[in-house]
Structure formats: structure tokens, C-alpha cells
Amino acid sequence: MRPRLHDPGYFLDRRVLSYLNVTSFGVAAYIQISELRGDLISALVERWRPETHTFHFPCGEAIITLQDVAVQLELSINGEAVTRLGKVLNP
């Protein structure tokens, strides 16, 4: 498995970044991937069960939760849920 990454010089359009900032997810645009382990990704792909949306390991089932993602990416998940944009932004 060979991962496909964006050009290291790639950056989001300012208009998209302003929407991310309104929802407190602007930090996600700055996430850098230092190393992708193809062997580990392949192992997870082999253990994924789309019927239950879980990974099946010898020790049992596992799932990735919103809290797991928030901890890994240092994202804030406090406050009101974002279901739609409440105001128009002028980037």
C-alpha cells in the first residue's frame, strides 16, 4: 500500500479556512503527517468490518470515536453541535 499525500506546499483556500475557523476546526488545516506506516494501515484495513463499522482484533471489537479523534488532533468538541452555518462569512 502506498499512501497518496497532497503536495507539501498545498494549503487550503482562505475561504474554506474561514469556515473551518467558525466551527473551531481551523486547527485541522495545519495537521502534518510525519510518517505513514503502510503495514499498519493495511493491517487495520484487513480487520475492518463494514457491516458493523468496527475493527475486529483477537482481543475483541474496537471502534474509533469522536473523542479519540479529538484527543489525537487536539480538537475542541465542547459547545453546541454544528449542524449548519448560522451566518454568512465575508472572507
PDB file of N, CA and C in Angstrom:
ATOM      1  N   MET A   1       0.831  -1.167   0.000  1.00  0.00           N
ATOM      2  CA  MET A   1       0.000   0.000   0.000  1.00  0.00           C
ATOM      3  C   MET A   1       0.884   1.240   0.000  1.00  0.00           C
ATOM      4  N   ARG A   2       0.602   2.160  -0.905  1.00  0.00           N
ATOM      5  CA  ARG A   2       1.370   3.398  -0.967  1.00  0.00           C
ATOM      6  C   ARG A   2       0.426   4.569  -0.726  1.00  0.00           C
ATOM      7  N   PRO A   3       0.657   5.333   0.332  1.00  0.00           N
ATOM      8  CA  PRO A   3      -0.224   6.461   0.620  1.00  0.00           C
ATOM      9  C   PRO A   3      -0.083   7.573  -0.408  1.00  0.00           C
ATOM     10  N   ARG A   4      -1.154   8.284  -0.621  1.00  0.00           N
ATOM     11  CA  ARG A   4      -1.147   9.404  -1.549  1.00  0.00           C
ATOM     12  C   ARG A   4      -1.360  10.686  -0.743  1.00  0.00           C
ATOM     13  N   LEU A   5      -0.388  11.574  -0.775  1.00  0.00           N
ATOM     14  CA  LEU A   5      -0.442  12.800   0.008  1.00  0.00           C
ATOM     15  C   LEU A   5      -0.496  14.017  -0.900  1.00  0.00           C
ATOM     16  N   HIS A   6      -1.033  15.090  -0.354  1.00  0.00           N
ATOM     17  CA  HIS A   6      -1.013  16.352  -1.073  1.00  0.00           C
ATOM     18  C   HIS A   6       0.412  16.870  -1.148  1.00  0.00           C
ATOM     19  N   ASP A   7       0.641  17.741  -2.086  1.00  0.00           N
ATOM     20  CA  ASP A   7       1.922  18.434  -2.196  1.00  0.00           C
ATOM     21  C   ASP A   7       2.206  19.135  -0.867  1.00  0.00           C
ATOM     22  N   PRO A   8       3.429  19.035  -0.338  1.00  0.00           N
ATOM     23  CA  PRO A   8       3.734  19.676   0.950  1.00  0.00           C
ATOM     24  C   PRO A   8       3.465  21.181   0.945  1.00  0.00           C
ATOM     25  N   GLY A   9       3.492  21.809  -0.218  1.00  0.00           N
ATOM     26  CA  GLY A   9       3.216  23.241  -0.309  1.00  0.00           C
ATOM     27  C   GLY A   9       1.738  23.559  -0.388  1.00  0.00           C
ATOM     28  N   TYR A  10       0.904  22.533  -0.402  1.00  0.00           N
ATOM     29  CA  TYR A  10      -0.545  22.717  -0.518  1.00  0.00           C
ATOM     30  C   TYR A  10      -1.107  23.367   0.723  1.00  0.00           C
ATOM     31  N   PHE A  11      -2.001  24.318   0.547  1.00  0.00           N
ATOM     32  CA  PHE A  11      -2.707  24.908   1.678  1.00  0.00           C
ATOM     33  C   PHE A  11      -4.128  25.225   1.252  1.00  0.00           C
ATOM     34  N   LEU A  12      -5.044  25.145   2.201  1.00  0.00           N
ATOM     35  CA  LEU A  12      -6.451  25.405   1.917  1.00  0.00           C
ATOM     36  C   LEU A  12      -6.692  26.829   1.450  1.00  0.00           C
ATOM     37  N   ASP A  13      -7.720  26.983   0.649  1.00  0.00           N
ATOM     38  CA  ASP A  13      -8.185  28.292   0.232  1.00  0.00           C
ATOM     39  C   ASP A  13      -8.619  29.084   1.465  1.00  0.00           C
ATOM     40  N   ARG A  14      -8.358  30.370   1.503  1.00  0.00           N
ATOM     41  CA  ARG A  14      -8.722  31.208   2.655  1.00  0.00           C
ATOM     42  C   ARG A  14     -10.209  31.133   2.974  1.00  0.00           C
ATOM     43  N   ARG A  15     -11.044  31.005   1.922  1.00  0.00           N
ATOM     44  CA  ARG A  15     -12.492  30.939   2.151  1.00  0.00           C
ATOM     45  C   ARG A  15     -12.867  29.680   2.924  1.00  0.00           C
ATOM     46  N   VAL A  16     -12.240  28.561   2.597  1.00  0.00           N
ATOM     47  CA  VAL A  16     -12.512  27.310   3.311  1.00  0.00           C
ATOM     48  C   VAL A  16     -12.003  27.412   4.745  1.00  0.00           C
ATOM     49  N   LEU A  17     -10.814  27.975   4.906  1.00  0.00           N
ATOM     50  CA  LEU A  17     -10.235  28.112   6.239  1.00  0.00           C
ATOM     51  C   LEU A  17     -11.118  28.976   7.146  1.00  0.00           C
ATOM     52  N   SER A  18     -11.740  30.016   6.600  1.00  0.00           N
ATOM     53  CA  SER A  18     -12.605  30.858   7.435  1.00  0.00           C
ATOM     54  C   SER A  18     -13.813  30.070   7.942  1.00  0.00           C
ATOM     55  N   TYR A  19     -14.360  29.181   7.134  1.00  0.00           N
ATOM     56  CA  TYR A  19     -15.471  28.345   7.596  1.00  0.00           C
ATOM     57  C   TYR A  19     -15.005  27.357   8.665  1.00  0.00           C
ATOM     58  N   LEU A  20     -13.827  26.793   8.484  1.00  0.00           N
ATOM     59  CA  LEU A  20     -13.287  25.884   9.494  1.00  0.00           C
ATOM     60  C   LEU A  20     -13.072  26.615  10.817  1.00  0.00           C
ATOM     61  N   ASN A  21     -12.597  27.846  10.744  1.00  0.00           N
ATOM     62  CA  ASN A  21     -12.355  28.620  11.964  1.00  0.00           C
ATOM     63  C   ASN A  21     -13.651  28.926  12.706  1.00  0.00           C
ATOM     64  N   VAL A  22     -14.728  29.197  11.989  1.00  0.00           N
ATOM     65  CA  VAL A  22     -16.016  29.470  12.633  1.00  0.00           C
ATOM     66  C   VAL A  22     -16.468  28.272  13.451  1.00  0.00           C
ATOM     67  N   THR A  23     -16.191  27.071  12.987  1.00  0.00           N
ATOM     68  CA  THR A  23     -16.620  25.859  13.686  1.00  0.00           C
ATOM     69  C   THR A  23     -15.556  25.332  14.652  1.00  0.00           C
ATOM     70  N   SER A  24     -14.498  26.094  14.852  1.00  0.00           N
ATOM     71  CA  SER A  24     -13.379  25.736  15.738  1.00  0.00           C
ATOM     72  C   SER A  24     -12.581  24.536  15.241  1.00  0.00           C
ATOM     73  N   PHE A  25     -12.656  24.248  13.948  1.00  0.00           N
ATOM     74  CA  PHE A  25     -11.862  23.164  13.382  1.00  0.00           C
ATOM     75  C   PHE A  25     -10.738  23.679  12.486  1.00  0.00           C
ATOM     76  N   GLY A  26     -10.428  24.962  12.583  1.00  0.00           N
ATOM     77  CA  GLY A  26      -9.379  25.551  11.759  1.00  0.00           C
ATOM     78  C   GLY A  26      -8.028  24.888  11.974  1.00  0.00           C
ATOM     79  N   VAL A  27      -7.795  24.420  13.193  1.00  0.00           N
ATOM     80  CA  VAL A  27      -6.529  23.756  13.501  1.00  0.00           C
ATOM     81  C   VAL A  27      -6.324  22.502  12.637  1.00  0.00           C
ATOM     82  N   ALA A  28      -7.402  21.900  12.176  1.00  0.00           N
ATOM     83  CA  ALA A  28      -7.297  20.695  11.353  1.00  0.00           C
ATOM     84  C   ALA A  28      -6.565  20.967  10.046  1.00  0.00           C
ATOM     85  N   ALA A  29      -6.592  22.199   9.565  1.00  0.00           N
ATOM     86  CA  ALA A  29      -5.908  22.549   8.321  1.00  0.00           C
ATOM     87  C   ALA A  29      -4.391  22.507   8.474  1.00  0.00           C
ATOM     88  N   TYR A  30      -3.908  22.550   9.709  1.00  0.00           N
ATOM     89  CA  TYR A  30      -2.470  22.586   9.957  1.00  0.00           C
ATOM     90  C   TYR A  30      -1.891  21.234  10.366  1.00  0.00           C
ATOM     91  N   ILE A  31      -2.683  20.195  10.298  1.00  0.00           N
ATOM     92  CA  ILE A  31      -2.216  18.881  10.703  1.00  0.00           C
ATOM     93  C   ILE A  31      -1.150  18.402   9.710  1.00  0.00           C
ATOM     94  N   GLN A  32      -0.029  18.005  10.230  1.00  0.00           N
ATOM     95  CA  GLN A  32       1.064  17.496   9.409  1.00  0.00           C
ATOM     96  C   GLN A  32       1.236  16.008   9.685  1.00  0.00           C
ATOM     97  N   ILE A  33       1.380  15.243   8.635  1.00  0.00           N
ATOM     98  CA  ILE A  33       1.620  13.808   8.795  1.00  0.00           C
ATOM     99  C   ILE A  33       3.108  13.582   8.609  1.00  0.00           C
ATOM    100  N   SER A  34       3.767  13.114   9.663  1.00  0.00           N
ATOM    101  CA  SER A  34       5.208  12.935   9.572  1.00  0.00           C
ATOM    102  C   SER A  34       5.584  11.581   8.976  1.00  0.00           C
ATOM    103  N   GLU A  35       4.815  10.559   9.299  1.00  0.00           N
ATOM    104  CA  GLU A  35       5.148   9.231   8.785  1.00  0.00           C
ATOM    105  C   GLU A  35       3.876   8.389   8.705  1.00  0.00           C
ATOM    106  N   LEU A  36       3.637   7.820   7.553  1.00  0.00           N
ATOM    107  CA  LEU A  36       2.523   6.887   7.405  1.00  0.00           C
ATOM    108  C   LEU A  36       3.100   5.486   7.313  1.00  0.00           C
ATOM    109  N   ARG A  37       2.585   4.577   8.110  1.00  0.00           N
ATOM    110  CA  ARG A  37       3.059   3.200   8.113  1.00  0.00           C
ATOM    111  C   ARG A  37       2.095   2.354   7.302  1.00  0.00           C
ATOM    112  N   GLY A  38       2.476   2.055   6.059  1.00  0.00           N
ATOM    113  CA  GLY A  38       1.638   1.271   5.172  1.00  0.00           C
ATOM    114  C   GLY A  38       1.284  -0.086   5.734  1.00  0.00           C
ATOM    115  N   ASP A  39       2.232  -0.724   6.448  1.00  0.00           N
ATOM    116  CA  ASP A  39       1.963  -2.044   7.014  1.00  0.00           C
ATOM    117  C   ASP A  39       0.881  -1.984   8.095  1.00  0.00           C
ATOM    118  N   LEU A  40       0.897  -0.929   8.917  1.00  0.00           N
ATOM    119  CA  LEU A  40      -0.124  -0.803   9.954  1.00  0.00           C
ATOM    120  C   LEU A  40      -1.482  -0.442   9.358  1.00  0.00           C
ATOM    121  N   ILE A  41      -1.478   0.417   8.355  1.00  0.00           N
ATOM    122  CA  ILE A  41      -2.731   0.778   7.693  1.00  0.00           C
ATOM    123  C   ILE A  41      -3.336  -0.454   7.034  1.00  0.00           C
ATOM    124  N   SER A  42      -2.509  -1.253   6.371  1.00  0.00           N
ATOM    125  CA  SER A  42      -3.004  -2.486   5.739  1.00  0.00           C
ATOM    126  C   SER A  42      -3.600  -3.442   6.765  1.00  0.00           C
ATOM    127  N   ALA A  43      -2.951  -3.556   7.930  1.00  0.00           N
ATOM    128  CA  ALA A  43      -3.463  -4.437   8.978  1.00  0.00           C
ATOM    129  C   ALA A  43      -4.836  -3.967   9.458  1.00  0.00           C
ATOM    130  N   LEU A  44      -5.016  -2.655   9.596  1.00  0.00           N
ATOM    131  CA  LEU A  44      -6.316  -2.136  10.008  1.00  0.00           C
ATOM    132  C   LEU A  44      -7.371  -2.360   8.922  1.00  0.00           C
ATOM    133  N   VAL A  45      -6.999  -2.167   7.679  1.00  0.00           N
ATOM    134  CA  VAL A  45      -7.935  -2.382   6.573  1.00  0.00           C
ATOM    135  C   VAL A  45      -8.411  -3.830   6.564  1.00  0.00           C
ATOM    136  N   GLU A  46      -7.507  -4.767   6.805  1.00  0.00           N
ATOM    137  CA  GLU A  46      -7.870  -6.186   6.827  1.00  0.00           C
ATOM    138  C   GLU A  46      -8.817  -6.529   7.969  1.00  0.00           C
ATOM    139  N   ARG A  47      -8.747  -5.783   9.057  1.00  0.00           N
ATOM    140  CA  ARG A  47      -9.571  -6.078  10.233  1.00  0.00           C
ATOM    141  C   ARG A  47     -10.878  -5.281  10.277  1.00  0.00           C
ATOM    142  N   TRP A  48     -11.098  -4.391   9.308  1.00  0.00           N
ATOM    143  CA  TRP A  48     -12.310  -3.570   9.272  1.00  0.00           C
ATOM    144  C   TRP A  48     -13.507  -4.392   8.810  1.00  0.00           C
ATOM    145  N   ARG A  49     -14.619  -4.241   9.498  1.00  0.00           N
ATOM    146  CA  ARG A  49     -15.861  -4.918   9.136  1.00  0.00           C
ATOM    147  C   ARG A  49     -16.912  -3.867   8.814  1.00  0.00           C
ATOM    148  N   PRO A  50     -17.204  -3.651   7.526  1.00  0.00           N
ATOM    149  CA  PRO A  50     -18.160  -2.599   7.153  1.00  0.00           C
ATOM    150  C   PRO A  50     -19.585  -2.852   7.661  1.00  0.00           C
ATOM    151  N   GLU A  51     -19.936  -4.094   7.909  1.00  0.00           N
ATOM    152  CA  GLU A  51     -21.287  -4.397   8.397  1.00  0.00           C
ATOM    153  C   GLU A  51     -21.540  -3.767   9.759  1.00  0.00           C
ATOM    154  N   THR A  52     -20.524  -3.759  10.611  1.00  0.00           N
ATOM    155  CA  THR A  52     -20.674  -3.242  11.971  1.00  0.00           C
ATOM    156  C   THR A  52     -19.899  -1.946  12.200  1.00  0.00           C
ATOM    157  N   HIS A  53     -19.127  -1.505  11.202  1.00  0.00           N
ATOM    158  CA  HIS A  53     -18.296  -0.301  11.308  1.00  0.00           C
ATOM    159  C   HIS A  53     -17.335  -0.408  12.493  1.00  0.00           C
ATOM    160  N   THR A  54     -16.718  -1.574  12.634  1.00  0.00           N
ATOM    161  CA  THR A  54     -15.769  -1.804  13.719  1.00  0.00           C
ATOM    162  C   THR A  54     -14.539  -2.533  13.198  1.00  0.00           C
ATOM    163  N   PHE A  55     -13.472  -2.494  13.996  1.00  0.00           N
ATOM    164  CA  PHE A  55     -12.279  -3.289  13.734  1.00  0.00           C
ATOM    165  C   PHE A  55     -12.378  -4.544  14.589  1.00  0.00           C
ATOM    166  N   HIS A  56     -12.029  -5.698  14.026  1.00  0.00           N
ATOM    167  CA  HIS A  56     -12.058  -6.962  14.768  1.00  0.00           C
ATOM    168  C   HIS A  56     -10.627  -7.402  15.063  1.00  0.00           C
ATOM    169  N   PHE A  57     -10.293  -7.415  16.346  1.00  0.00           N
ATOM    170  CA  PHE A  57      -8.971  -7.815  16.809  1.00  0.00           C
ATOM    171  C   PHE A  57      -9.089  -9.098  17.625  1.00  0.00           C
ATOM    172  N   PRO A  58      -7.968  -9.792  17.858  1.00  0.00           N
ATOM    173  CA  PRO A  58      -8.016 -11.000  18.691  1.00  0.00           C
ATOM    174  C   PRO A  58      -8.575 -10.733  20.095  1.00  0.00           C
ATOM    175  N   CYS A  59      -8.404  -9.510  20.593  1.00  0.00           N
ATOM    176  CA  CYS A  59      -8.888  -9.182  21.941  1.00  0.00           C
ATOM    177  C   CYS A  59     -10.337  -8.690  21.935  1.00  0.00           C
ATOM    178  N   GLY A  60     -10.939  -8.524  20.758  1.00  0.00           N
ATOM    179  CA  GLY A  60     -12.324  -8.070  20.668  1.00  0.00           C
ATOM    180  C   GLY A  60     -12.510  -6.997  19.615  1.00  0.00           C
ATOM    181  N   GLU A  61     -13.692  -6.380  19.622  1.00  0.00           N
ATOM    182  CA  GLU A  61     -14.006  -5.328  18.653  1.00  0.00           C
ATOM    183  C   GLU A  61     -13.545  -3.966  19.167  1.00  0.00           C
ATOM    184  N   ALA A  62     -13.210  -3.089  18.246  1.00  0.00           N
ATOM    185  CA  ALA A  62     -12.819  -1.722  18.590  1.00  0.00           C
ATOM    186  C   ALA A  62     -13.407  -0.766  17.565  1.00  0.00           C
ATOM    187  N   ILE A  63     -13.653   0.444  18.014  1.00  0.00           N
ATOM    188  CA  ILE A  63     -14.210   1.470  17.134  1.00  0.00           C
ATOM    189  C   ILE A  63     -13.500   2.779  17.430  1.00  0.00           C
ATOM    190  N   ILE A  64     -13.383   3.641  16.433  1.00  0.00           N
ATOM    191  CA  ILE A  64     -12.794   4.958  16.622  1.00  0.00           C
ATOM    192  C   ILE A  64     -13.935   5.924  16.921  1.00  0.00           C
ATOM    193  N   THR A  65     -13.831   6.625  18.045  1.00  0.00           N
ATOM    194  CA  THR A  65     -14.886   7.541  18.458  1.00  0.00           C
ATOM    195  C   THR A  65     -14.484   8.987  18.194  1.00  0.00           C
ATOM    196  N   LEU A  66     -15.442   9.882  18.288  1.00  0.00           N
ATOM    197  CA  LEU A  66     -15.163  11.308  18.150  1.00  0.00           C
ATOM    198  C   LEU A  66     -14.158  11.754  19.199  1.00  0.00           C
ATOM    199  N   GLN A  67     -14.262  11.212  20.387  1.00  0.00           N
ATOM    200  CA  GLN A  67     -13.324  11.573  21.445  1.00  0.00           C
ATOM    201  C   GLN A  67     -11.902  11.138  21.082  1.00  0.00           C
ATOM    202  N   ASP A  68     -11.739   9.964  20.472  1.00  0.00           N
ATOM    203  CA  ASP A  68     -10.420   9.512  20.029  1.00  0.00           C
ATOM    204  C   ASP A  68      -9.803  10.492  19.034  1.00  0.00           C
ATOM    205  N   VAL A  69     -10.604  10.916  18.078  1.00  0.00           N
ATOM    206  CA  VAL A  69     -10.127  11.861  17.061  1.00  0.00           C
ATOM    207  C   VAL A  69      -9.778  13.197  17.710  1.00  0.00           C
ATOM    208  N   ALA A  70     -10.623  13.675  18.603  1.00  0.00           N
ATOM    209  CA  ALA A  70     -10.378  14.950  19.275  1.00  0.00           C
ATOM    210  C   ALA A  70      -9.081  14.925  20.071  1.00  0.00           C
ATOM    211  N   VAL A  71      -8.812  13.833  20.759  1.00  0.00           N
ATOM    212  CA  VAL A  71      -7.582  13.724  21.549  1.00  0.00           C
ATOM    213  C   VAL A  71      -6.360  13.693  20.633  1.00  0.00           C
ATOM    214  N   GLN A  72      -6.405  12.904  19.582  1.00  0.00           N
ATOM    215  CA  GLN A  72      -5.262  12.784  18.673  1.00  0.00           C
ATOM    216  C   GLN A  72      -4.958  14.085  17.931  1.00  0.00           C
ATOM    217  N   LEU A  73      -6.006  14.806  17.509  1.00  0.00           N
ATOM    218  CA  LEU A  73      -5.822  16.018  16.722  1.00  0.00           C
ATOM    219  C   LEU A  73      -5.914  17.302  17.540  1.00  0.00           C
ATOM    220  N   GLU A  74      -6.115  17.149  18.867  1.00  0.00           N
ATOM    221  CA  GLU A  74      -6.234  18.285  19.772  1.00  0.00           C
ATOM    222  C   GLU A  74      -7.330  19.245  19.319  1.00  0.00           C
ATOM    223  N   LEU A  75      -8.484  18.693  18.931  1.00  0.00           N
ATOM    224  CA  LEU A  75      -9.624  19.492  18.504  1.00  0.00           C
ATOM    225  C   LEU A  75     -10.584  19.681  19.667  1.00  0.00           C
ATOM    226  N   SER A  76     -11.252  20.821  19.675  1.00  0.00           N
ATOM    227  CA  SER A  76     -12.245  21.099  20.710  1.00  0.00           C
ATOM    228  C   SER A  76     -13.583  20.504  20.297  1.00  0.00           C
ATOM    229  N   ILE A  77     -14.197  19.727  21.185  1.00  0.00           N
ATOM    230  CA  ILE A  77     -15.526  19.180  20.891  1.00  0.00           C
ATOM    231  C   ILE A  77     -16.537  19.675  21.910  1.00  0.00           C
ATOM    232  N   ASN A  78     -16.207  20.766  22.602  1.00  0.00           N
ATOM    233  CA  ASN A  78     -17.109  21.353  23.584  1.00  0.00           C
ATOM    234  C   ASN A  78     -18.006  22.380  22.905  1.00  0.00           C
ATOM    235  N   GLY A  79     -19.202  22.553  23.432  1.00  0.00           N
ATOM    236  CA  GLY A  79     -20.102  23.573  22.910  1.00  0.00           C
ATOM    237  C   GLY A  79     -21.238  22.965  22.114  1.00  0.00           C
ATOM    238  N   GLU A  80     -21.928  23.823  21.385  1.00  0.00           N
ATOM    239  CA  GLU A  80     -23.082  23.422  20.594  1.00  0.00           C
ATOM    240  C   GLU A  80     -22.652  22.632  19.359  1.00  0.00           C
ATOM    241  N   ALA A  81     -23.508  21.719  18.936  1.00  0.00           N
ATOM    242  CA  ALA A  81     -23.238  20.957  17.708  1.00  0.00           C
ATOM    243  C   ALA A  81     -23.387  21.871  16.505  1.00  0.00           C
ATOM    244  N   VAL A  82     -22.526  21.682  15.517  1.00  0.00           N
ATOM    245  CA  VAL A  82     -22.599  22.459  14.286  1.00  0.00           C
ATOM    246  C   VAL A  82     -23.394  21.638  13.286  1.00  0.00           C
ATOM    247  N   THR A  83     -24.606  22.115  12.978  1.00  0.00           N
ATOM    248  CA  THR A  83     -25.451  21.390  12.035  1.00  0.00           C
ATOM    249  C   THR A  83     -25.597  22.126  10.719  1.00  0.00           C
ATOM    250  N   ARG A  84     -25.366  23.431  10.744  1.00  0.00           N
ATOM    251  CA  ARG A  84     -25.357  24.235   9.521  1.00  0.00           C
ATOM    252  C   ARG A  84     -24.707  25.568   9.856  1.00  0.00           C
ATOM    253  N   LEU A  85     -24.309  26.291   8.842  1.00  0.00           N
ATOM    254  CA  LEU A  85     -23.678  27.584   9.054  1.00  0.00           C
ATOM    255  C   LEU A  85     -24.750  28.595   9.431  1.00  0.00           C
ATOM    256  N   GLY A  86     -24.572  29.281  10.528  1.00  0.00           N
ATOM    257  CA  GLY A  86     -25.586  30.201  11.013  1.00  0.00           C
ATOM    258  C   GLY A  86     -25.489  31.596  10.434  1.00  0.00           C
ATOM    259  N   LYS A  87     -24.350  31.960   9.864  1.00  0.00           N
ATOM    260  CA  LYS A  87     -24.208  33.296   9.286  1.00  0.00           C
ATOM    261  C   LYS A  87     -23.296  33.210   8.075  1.00  0.00           C
ATOM    262  N   VAL A  88     -23.414  34.187   7.217  1.00  0.00           N
ATOM    263  CA  VAL A  88     -22.577  34.235   6.011  1.00  0.00           C
ATOM    264  C   VAL A  88     -21.287  34.955   6.364  1.00  0.00           C
ATOM    265  N   LEU A  89     -20.182  34.362   5.961  1.00  0.00           N
ATOM    266  CA  LEU A  89     -18.875  34.956   6.223  1.00  0.00           C
ATOM    267  C   LEU A  89     -18.410  35.754   5.019  1.00  0.00           C
ATOM    268  N   ASN A  90     -17.675  36.801   5.284  1.00  0.00           N
ATOM    269  CA  ASN A  90     -17.042  37.569   4.204  1.00  0.00           C
ATOM    270  C   ASN A  90     -15.543  37.364   4.305  1.00  0.00           C
ATOM    271  N   PRO A  91     -15.019  36.407   3.539  1.00  0.00           N
ATOM    272  CA  PRO A  91     -13.575  36.113   3.652  1.00  0.00           C
ATOM    273  C   PRO A  91     -12.714  37.242   3.168  1.00  0.00           C
TER     274      PRO A  91
END
